[in-house]
Amino acid sequence: MVGPLGKPSGDREVRTCVVIGGGVGTAIAYPTAKALKAAGNHVIAIIGGRNRQLVILEDEVRAFADEVIITTDDAAMAKKDS
C-alpha cells in the first residue's frame, strides 16, 4: 500500500485506521495518523526500526493512538497498548 498520493487522507472519519511507518517513514506517517485520530477514528499505529533503540516518535504516537505495535528487523519486537 502507498499513500497519500496527492489527496489528503487524514481528514475524514472512517472508524478504524491502521497507519504503518518504519524508520524515518514513521515521521512521514505521523501527521496522517494524528489527523485521522482528530477526525474521530480509532487509530492503530504500527511503527518499527532496525532495532528497538532506533524506533522513533514512539512517545508522540502513543499520545494519540489507541493502540501502538512496535516491530523490529532483529525480531526484538514488543507490543504495548496505549
PDB file of N, CA and C in Angstrom:
ATOM      1  N   MET A   1       0.834  -1.168   0.000  1.00  0.00           N
ATOM      2  CA  MET A   1       0.000   0.000   0.000  1.00  0.00           C
ATOM      3  C   MET A   1       0.884   1.238   0.000  1.00  0.00           C
ATOM      4  N   VAL A   2       0.394   2.268  -0.634  1.00  0.00           N
ATOM      5  CA  VAL A   2       1.087   3.548  -0.638  1.00  0.00           C
ATOM      6  C   VAL A   2       0.079   4.663  -0.434  1.00  0.00           C
ATOM      7  N   GLY A   3       0.547   5.750   0.023  1.00  0.00           N
ATOM      8  CA  GLY A   3      -0.336   6.888   0.157  1.00  0.00           C
ATOM      9  C   GLY A   3       0.194   7.833   1.209  1.00  0.00           C
ATOM     10  N   PRO A   4      -0.314   9.006   1.286  1.00  0.00           N
ATOM     11  CA  PRO A   4      -1.289   9.573   0.363  1.00  0.00           C
ATOM     12  C   PRO A   4      -0.650   9.917  -0.975  1.00  0.00           C
ATOM     13  N   LEU A   5      -1.444   9.906  -2.002  1.00  0.00           N
ATOM     14  CA  LEU A   5      -0.955  10.187  -3.354  1.00  0.00           C
ATOM     15  C   LEU A   5      -1.622  11.444  -3.904  1.00  0.00           C
ATOM     16  N   GLY A   6      -1.407  12.546  -3.235  1.00  0.00           N
ATOM     17  CA  GLY A   6      -1.922  13.815  -3.720  1.00  0.00           C
ATOM     18  C   GLY A   6      -3.248  14.224  -3.141  1.00  0.00           C
ATOM     19  N   LYS A   7      -3.955  13.320  -2.493  1.00  0.00           N
ATOM     20  CA  LYS A   7      -5.220  13.669  -1.865  1.00  0.00           C
ATOM     21  C   LYS A   7      -5.068  13.480  -0.356  1.00  0.00           C
ATOM     22  N   PRO A   8      -5.518  14.442   0.436  1.00  0.00           N
ATOM     23  CA  PRO A   8      -5.422  14.285   1.887  1.00  0.00           C
ATOM     24  C   PRO A   8      -6.170  13.043   2.345  1.00  0.00           C
ATOM     25  N   SER A   9      -5.554  12.269   3.220  1.00  0.00           N
ATOM     26  CA  SER A   9      -6.210  11.050   3.694  1.00  0.00           C
ATOM     27  C   SER A   9      -6.520  11.110   5.176  1.00  0.00           C
ATOM     28  N   GLY A  10      -6.113  12.154   5.859  1.00  0.00           N
ATOM     29  CA  GLY A  10      -6.280  12.194   7.291  1.00  0.00           C
ATOM     30  C   GLY A  10      -7.362  13.105   7.804  1.00  0.00           C
ATOM     31  N   ASP A  11      -8.292  13.487   6.972  1.00  0.00           N
ATOM     32  CA  ASP A  11      -9.275  14.470   7.420  1.00  0.00           C
ATOM     33  C   ASP A  11     -10.707  13.946   7.395  1.00  0.00           C
ATOM     34  N   ARG A  12     -10.878  12.641   7.403  1.00  0.00           N
ATOM     35  CA  ARG A  12     -12.242  12.120   7.364  1.00  0.00           C
ATOM     36  C   ARG A  12     -12.399  10.955   8.339  1.00  0.00           C
ATOM     37  N   GLU A  13     -13.623  10.720   8.735  1.00  0.00           N
ATOM     38  CA  GLU A  13     -13.895   9.625   9.652  1.00  0.00           C
ATOM     39  C   GLU A  13     -14.142   8.342   8.861  1.00  0.00           C
ATOM     40  N   VAL A  14     -13.368   7.316   9.170  1.00  0.00           N
ATOM     41  CA  VAL A  14     -13.542   6.012   8.533  1.00  0.00           C
ATOM     42  C   VAL A  14     -13.652   4.896   9.569  1.00  0.00           C
ATOM     43  N   ARG A  15     -13.688   5.252  10.824  1.00  0.00           N
ATOM     44  CA  ARG A  15     -13.873   4.404  12.000  1.00  0.00           C
ATOM     45  C   ARG A  15     -12.589   3.793  12.531  1.00  0.00           C
ATOM     46  N   THR A  16     -11.978   2.840  11.838  1.00  0.00           N
ATOM     47  CA  THR A  16     -10.736   2.237  12.315  1.00  0.00           C
ATOM     48  C   THR A  16      -9.678   2.350  11.229  1.00  0.00           C
ATOM     49  N   CYS A  17      -8.505   2.838  11.618  1.00  0.00           N
ATOM     50  CA  CYS A  17      -7.408   3.035  10.675  1.00  0.00           C
ATOM     51  C   CYS A  17      -6.153   2.360  11.204  1.00  0.00           C
ATOM     52  N   VAL A  18      -5.367   1.806  10.306  1.00  0.00           N
ATOM     53  CA  VAL A  18      -4.051   1.284  10.642  1.00  0.00           C
ATOM     54  C   VAL A  18      -3.046   2.107   9.865  1.00  0.00           C
ATOM     55  N   VAL A  19      -2.117   2.721  10.593  1.00  0.00           N
ATOM     56  CA  VAL A  19      -1.081   3.540   9.976  1.00  0.00           C
ATOM     57  C   VAL A  19       0.250   2.870  10.280  1.00  0.00           C
ATOM     58  N   ILE A  20       1.061   2.656   9.231  1.00  0.00           N
ATOM     59  CA  ILE A  20       2.314   1.923   9.362  1.00  0.00           C
ATOM     60  C   ILE A  20       3.479   2.809   8.935  1.00  0.00           C
ATOM     61  N   GLY A  21       4.524   2.842   9.769  1.00  0.00           N
ATOM     62  CA  GLY A  21       5.726   3.582   9.421  1.00  0.00           C
ATOM     63  C   GLY A  21       6.939   2.916  10.033  1.00  0.00           C
ATOM     64  N   GLY A  22       7.990   2.798   9.256  1.00  0.00           N
ATOM     65  CA  GLY A  22       9.218   2.200   9.764  1.00  0.00           C
ATOM     66  C   GLY A  22      10.385   3.132   9.554  1.00  0.00           C
ATOM     67  N   GLY A  23      11.244   3.239  10.551  1.00  0.00           N
ATOM     68  CA  GLY A  23      12.382   4.143  10.450  1.00  0.00           C
ATOM     69  C   GLY A  23      11.900   5.561  10.245  1.00  0.00           C
ATOM     70  N   VAL A  24      12.515   6.270   9.303  1.00  0.00           N
ATOM     71  CA  VAL A  24      12.093   7.644   9.050  1.00  0.00           C
ATOM     72  C   VAL A  24      10.683   7.709   8.457  1.00  0.00           C
ATOM     73  N   GLY A  25      10.174   6.593   7.967  1.00  0.00           N
ATOM     74  CA  GLY A  25       8.799   6.549   7.482  1.00  0.00           C
ATOM     75  C   GLY A  25       7.789   6.820   8.587  1.00  0.00           C
ATOM     76  N   THR A  26       8.194   6.614   9.829  1.00  0.00           N
ATOM     77  CA  THR A  26       7.323   6.934  10.958  1.00  0.00           C
ATOM     78  C   THR A  26       7.037   8.434  10.981  1.00  0.00           C
ATOM     79  N   ALA A  27       8.036   9.231  10.701  1.00  0.00           N
ATOM     80  CA  ALA A  27       7.854  10.689  10.686  1.00  0.00           C
ATOM     81  C   ALA A  27       6.906  11.111   9.575  1.00  0.00           C
ATOM     82  N   ILE A  28       6.914  10.393   8.480  1.00  0.00           N
ATOM     83  CA  ILE A  28       6.023  10.708   7.367  1.00  0.00           C
ATOM     84  C   ILE A  28       4.589  10.295   7.693  1.00  0.00           C
ATOM     85  N   ALA A  29       4.407   9.155   8.368  1.00  0.00           N
ATOM     86  CA  ALA A  29       3.073   8.657   8.715  1.00  0.00           C
ATOM     87  C   ALA A  29       2.459   9.410   9.895  1.00  0.00           C
ATOM     88  N   TYR A  30       3.285  10.006  10.736  1.00  0.00           N
ATOM     89  CA  TYR A  30       2.826  10.651  11.960  1.00  0.00           C
ATOM     90  C   TYR A  30       1.709  11.681  11.747  1.00  0.00           C
ATOM     91  N   PRO A  31       1.864  12.679  10.863  1.00  0.00           N
ATOM     92  CA  PRO A  31       0.793  13.674  10.725  1.00  0.00           C
ATOM     93  C   PRO A  31      -0.510  13.089  10.183  1.00  0.00           C
ATOM     94  N   THR A  32      -0.410  12.084   9.339  1.00  0.00           N
ATOM     95  CA  THR A  32      -1.624  11.443   8.823  1.00  0.00           C
ATOM     96  C   THR A  32      -2.353  10.722   9.950  1.00  0.00           C
ATOM     97  N   ALA A  33      -1.612   9.983  10.756  1.00  0.00           N
ATOM     98  CA  ALA A  33      -2.221   9.261  11.879  1.00  0.00           C
ATOM     99  C   ALA A  33      -2.863  10.229  12.866  1.00  0.00           C
ATOM    100  N   LYS A  34      -2.183  11.311  13.153  1.00  0.00           N
ATOM    101  CA  LYS A  34      -2.708  12.302  14.102  1.00  0.00           C
ATOM    102  C   LYS A  34      -3.987  12.943  13.563  1.00  0.00           C
ATOM    103  N   ALA A  35      -4.013  13.247  12.283  1.00  0.00           N
ATOM    104  CA  ALA A  35      -5.207  13.842  11.672  1.00  0.00           C
ATOM    105  C   ALA A  35      -6.367  12.850  11.644  1.00  0.00           C
ATOM    106  N   LEU A  36      -6.080  11.586  11.387  1.00  0.00           N
ATOM    107  CA  LEU A  36      -7.144  10.572  11.404  1.00  0.00           C
ATOM    108  C   LEU A  36      -7.755  10.451  12.796  1.00  0.00           C
ATOM    109  N   LYS A  37      -6.925  10.532  13.830  1.00  0.00           N
ATOM    110  CA  LYS A  37      -7.434  10.495  15.202  1.00  0.00           C
ATOM    111  C   LYS A  37      -8.276  11.722  15.490  1.00  0.00           C
ATOM    112  N   ALA A  38      -7.811  12.891  15.075  1.00  0.00           N
ATOM    113  CA  ALA A  38      -8.556  14.129  15.291  1.00  0.00           C
ATOM    114  C   ALA A  38      -9.912  14.110  14.591  1.00  0.00           C
ATOM    115  N   ALA A  39     -10.026  13.328  13.511  1.00  0.00           N
ATOM    116  CA  ALA A  39     -11.289  13.216  12.775  1.00  0.00           C
ATOM    117  C   ALA A  39     -12.241  12.220  13.433  1.00  0.00           C
ATOM    118  N   GLY A  40     -11.817  11.618  14.561  1.00  0.00           N
ATOM    119  CA  GLY A  40     -12.710  10.735  15.304  1.00  0.00           C
ATOM    120  C   GLY A  40     -12.514   9.256  15.064  1.00  0.00           C
ATOM    121  N   ASN A  41     -11.414   8.871  14.471  1.00  0.00           N
ATOM    122  CA  ASN A  41     -11.168   7.467  14.162  1.00  0.00           C
ATOM    123  C   ASN A  41     -10.444   6.742  15.292  1.00  0.00           C
ATOM    124  N   HIS A  42     -10.586   5.429  15.310  1.00  0.00           N
ATOM    125  CA  HIS A  42      -9.788   4.544  16.160  1.00  0.00           C
ATOM    126  C   HIS A  42      -8.503   4.285  15.383  1.00  0.00           C
ATOM    127  N   VAL A  43      -7.363   4.685  15.941  1.00  0.00           N
ATOM    128  CA  VAL A  43      -6.098   4.601  15.220  1.00  0.00           C
ATOM    129  C   VAL A  43      -5.204   3.524  15.827  1.00  0.00           C
ATOM    130  N   ILE A  44      -4.776   2.601  14.982  1.00  0.00           N
ATOM    131  CA  ILE A  44      -3.788   1.593  15.340  1.00  0.00           C
ATOM    132  C   ILE A  44      -2.517   1.969  14.593  1.00  0.00           C
ATOM    133  N   ALA A  45      -1.443   2.178  15.340  1.00  0.00           N
ATOM    134  CA  ALA A  45      -0.173   2.563  14.730  1.00  0.00           C
ATOM    135  C   ALA A  45       0.813   1.408  14.836  1.00  0.00           C
ATOM    136  N   ILE A  46       1.412   1.058  13.720  1.00  0.00           N
ATOM    137  CA  ILE A  46       2.471   0.051  13.693  1.00  0.00           C
ATOM    138  C   ILE A  46       3.734   0.795  13.276  1.00  0.00           C
ATOM    139  N   ILE A  47       4.697   0.859  14.201  1.00  0.00           N
ATOM    140  CA  ILE A  47       5.939   1.561  13.907  1.00  0.00           C
ATOM    141  C   ILE A  47       7.113   0.637  14.186  1.00  0.00           C
ATOM    142  N   GLY A  48       8.219   0.869  13.506  1.00  0.00           N
ATOM    143  CA  GLY A  48       9.347  -0.031  13.696  1.00  0.00           C
ATOM    144  C   GLY A  48      10.669   0.585  13.324  1.00  0.00           C
ATOM    145  N   GLY A  49      11.693  -0.239  13.482  1.00  0.00           N
ATOM    146  CA  GLY A  49      13.043   0.166  13.146  1.00  0.00           C
ATOM    147  C   GLY A  49      13.938  -1.058  13.052  1.00  0.00           C
ATOM    148  N   ARG A  50      15.185  -0.828  12.719  1.00  0.00           N
ATOM    149  CA  ARG A  50      16.140  -1.929  12.617  1.00  0.00           C
ATOM    150  C   ARG A  50      16.292  -2.666  13.947  1.00  0.00           C
ATOM    151  N   ASN A  51      16.295  -1.901  15.050  1.00  0.00           N
ATOM    152  CA  ASN A  51      16.304  -2.493  16.385  1.00  0.00           C
ATOM    153  C   ASN A  51      15.501  -1.574  17.301  1.00  0.00           C
ATOM    154  N   ARG A  52      15.277  -2.019  18.523  1.00  0.00           N
ATOM    155  CA  ARG A  52      14.402  -1.292  19.439  1.00  0.00           C
ATOM    156  C   ARG A  52      14.898   0.135  19.705  1.00  0.00           C
ATOM    157  N   GLN A  53      16.204   0.329  19.750  1.00  0.00           N
ATOM    158  CA  GLN A  53      16.770   1.643  20.022  1.00  0.00           C
ATOM    159  C   GLN A  53      16.556   2.632  18.866  1.00  0.00           C
ATOM    160  N   LEU A  54      16.289   2.138  17.680  1.00  0.00           N
ATOM    161  CA  LEU A  54      16.121   3.008  16.512  1.00  0.00           C
ATOM    162  C   LEU A  54      14.659   3.328  16.185  1.00  0.00           C
ATOM    163  N   VAL A  55      13.734   2.893  17.014  1.00  0.00           N
ATOM    164  CA  VAL A  55      12.318   3.234  16.817  1.00  0.00           C
ATOM    165  C   VAL A  55      12.139   4.698  17.225  1.00  0.00           C
ATOM    166  N   ILE A  56      11.608   5.507  16.299  1.00  0.00           N
ATOM    167  CA  ILE A  56      11.454   6.939  16.577  1.00  0.00           C
ATOM    168  C   ILE A  56       9.988   7.313  16.784  1.00  0.00           C
ATOM    169  N   LEU A  57       9.784   8.414  17.468  1.00  0.00           N
ATOM    170  CA  LEU A  57       8.471   9.034  17.703  1.00  0.00           C
ATOM    171  C   LEU A  57       7.494   8.144  18.478  1.00  0.00           C
ATOM    172  N   GLU A  58       8.002   7.184  19.211  1.00  0.00           N
ATOM    173  CA  GLU A  58       7.103   6.281  19.945  1.00  0.00           C
ATOM    174  C   GLU A  58       6.231   7.036  20.946  1.00  0.00           C
ATOM    175  N   ASP A  59       6.830   7.882  21.764  1.00  0.00           N
ATOM    176  CA  ASP A  59       6.052   8.611  22.767  1.00  0.00           C
ATOM    177  C   ASP A  59       5.026   9.539  22.124  1.00  0.00           C
ATOM    178  N   GLU A  60       5.414  10.187  21.040  1.00  0.00           N
ATOM    179  CA  GLU A  60       4.496  11.094  20.348  1.00  0.00           C
ATOM    180  C   GLU A  60       3.303  10.334  19.762  1.00  0.00           C
ATOM    181  N   VAL A  61       3.551   9.175  19.190  1.00  0.00           N
ATOM    182  CA  VAL A  61       2.469   8.363  18.625  1.00  0.00           C
ATOM    183  C   VAL A  61       1.576   7.828  19.733  1.00  0.00           C
ATOM    184  N   ARG A  62       2.173   7.384  20.820  1.00  0.00           N
ATOM    185  CA  ARG A  62       1.383   6.871  21.949  1.00  0.00           C
ATOM    186  C   ARG A  62       0.453   7.929  22.538  1.00  0.00           C
ATOM    187  N   ALA A  63       0.799   9.194  22.368  1.00  0.00           N
ATOM    188  CA  ALA A  63      -0.008  10.275  22.927  1.00  0.00           C
ATOM    189  C   ALA A  63      -1.404  10.345  22.314  1.00  0.00           C
ATOM    190  N   PHE A  64      -1.587   9.834  21.102  1.00  0.00           N
ATOM    191  CA  PHE A  64      -2.909   9.910  20.474  1.00  0.00           C
ATOM    192  C   PHE A  64      -3.431   8.581  19.943  1.00  0.00           C
ATOM    193  N   ALA A  65      -2.579   7.632  19.622  1.00  0.00           N
ATOM    194  CA  ALA A  65      -3.037   6.369  19.027  1.00  0.00           C
ATOM    195  C   ALA A  65      -3.750   5.513  20.067  1.00  0.00           C
ATOM    196  N   ASP A  66      -4.752   4.779  19.622  1.00  0.00           N
ATOM    197  CA  ASP A  66      -5.488   3.883  20.512  1.00  0.00           C
ATOM    198  C   ASP A  66      -4.702   2.610  20.800  1.00  0.00           C
ATOM    199  N   GLU A  67      -3.873   2.213  19.862  1.00  0.00           N
ATOM    200  CA  GLU A  67      -3.036   1.030  20.033  1.00  0.00           C
ATOM    201  C   GLU A  67      -1.739   1.264  19.265  1.00  0.00           C
ATOM    202  N   VAL A  68      -0.616   0.877  19.865  1.00  0.00           N
ATOM    203  CA  VAL A  68       0.690   1.011  19.226  1.00  0.00           C
ATOM    204  C   VAL A  68       1.373  -0.343  19.232  1.00  0.00           C
ATOM    205  N   ILE A  69       1.825  -0.763  18.065  1.00  0.00           N
ATOM    206  CA  ILE A  69       2.551  -2.019  17.922  1.00  0.00           C
ATOM    207  C   ILE A  69       3.944  -1.682  17.410  1.00  0.00           C
ATOM    208  N   ILE A  70       4.953  -2.171  18.122  1.00  0.00           N
ATOM    209  CA  ILE A  70       6.345  -1.922  17.758  1.00  0.00           C
ATOM    210  C   ILE A  70       6.903  -3.174  17.091  1.00  0.00           C
ATOM    211  N   THR A  71       7.567  -2.999  15.963  1.00  0.00           N
ATOM    212  CA  THR A  71       8.229  -4.114  15.280  1.00  0.00           C
ATOM    213  C   THR A  71       9.682  -3.742  15.008  1.00  0.00           C
ATOM    214  N   THR A  72      10.538  -4.764  14.951  1.00  0.00           N
ATOM    215  CA  THR A  72      11.949  -4.515  14.657  1.00  0.00           C
ATOM    216  C   THR A  72      12.477  -5.561  13.689  1.00  0.00           C
ATOM    217  N   ASP A  73      13.475  -5.188  12.917  1.00  0.00           N
ATOM    218  CA  ASP A  73      14.084  -6.119  11.971  1.00  0.00           C
ATOM    219  C   ASP A  73      14.807  -7.254  12.679  1.00  0.00           C
ATOM    220  N   ASP A  74      15.304  -6.997  13.888  1.00  0.00           N
ATOM    221  CA  ASP A  74      16.063  -8.028  14.596  1.00  0.00           C
ATOM    222  C   ASP A  74      15.173  -8.927  15.469  1.00  0.00           C
ATOM    223  N   ALA A  75      13.876  -8.839  15.271  1.00  0.00           N
ATOM    224  CA  ALA A  75      12.880  -9.676  15.960  1.00  0.00           C
ATOM    225  C   ALA A  75      12.766  -9.393  17.442  1.00  0.00           C
ATOM    226  N   ALA A  76      13.287  -8.282  17.897  1.00  0.00           N
ATOM    227  CA  ALA A  76      13.133  -7.886  19.298  1.00  0.00           C
ATOM    228  C   ALA A  76      11.898  -7.013  19.408  1.00  0.00           C
ATOM    229  N   MET A  77      10.773  -7.510  18.916  1.00  0.00           N
ATOM    230  CA  MET A  77       9.576  -6.687  18.872  1.00  0.00           C
ATOM    231  C   MET A  77       8.799  -6.799  20.158  1.00  0.00           C
ATOM    232  N   ALA A  78       8.015  -5.779  20.434  1.00  0.00           N
ATOM    233  CA  ALA A  78       7.192  -5.764  21.637  1.00  0.00           C
ATOM    234  C   ALA A  78       5.898  -5.040  21.332  1.00  0.00           C
ATOM    235  N   LYS A  79       4.809  -5.578  21.822  1.00  0.00           N
ATOM    236  CA  LYS A  79       3.510  -4.923  21.665  1.00  0.00           C
ATOM    237  C   LYS A  79       3.155  -4.284  22.996  1.00  0.00           C
ATOM    238  N   LYS A  80       2.771  -3.026  22.947  1.00  0.00           N
ATOM    239  CA  LYS A  80       2.415  -2.321  24.150  1.00  0.00           C
ATOM    240  C   LYS A  80       1.267  -1.395  23.802  1.00  0.00           C
ATOM    241  N   ASP A  81       0.106  -1.650  24.377  1.00  0.00           N
ATOM    242  CA  ASP A  81      -1.057  -0.812  24.111  1.00  0.00           C
ATOM    243  C   ASP A  81      -0.928   0.518  24.816  1.00  0.00           C
ATOM    244  N   SER A  82      -1.515   1.535  24.208  1.00  0.00           N
ATOM    245  CA  SER A  82      -1.520   2.867  24.832  1.00  0.00           C
ATOM    246  C   SER A  82      -2.533   2.884  25.949  1.00  0.00           C
TER     247      SER A  82
END
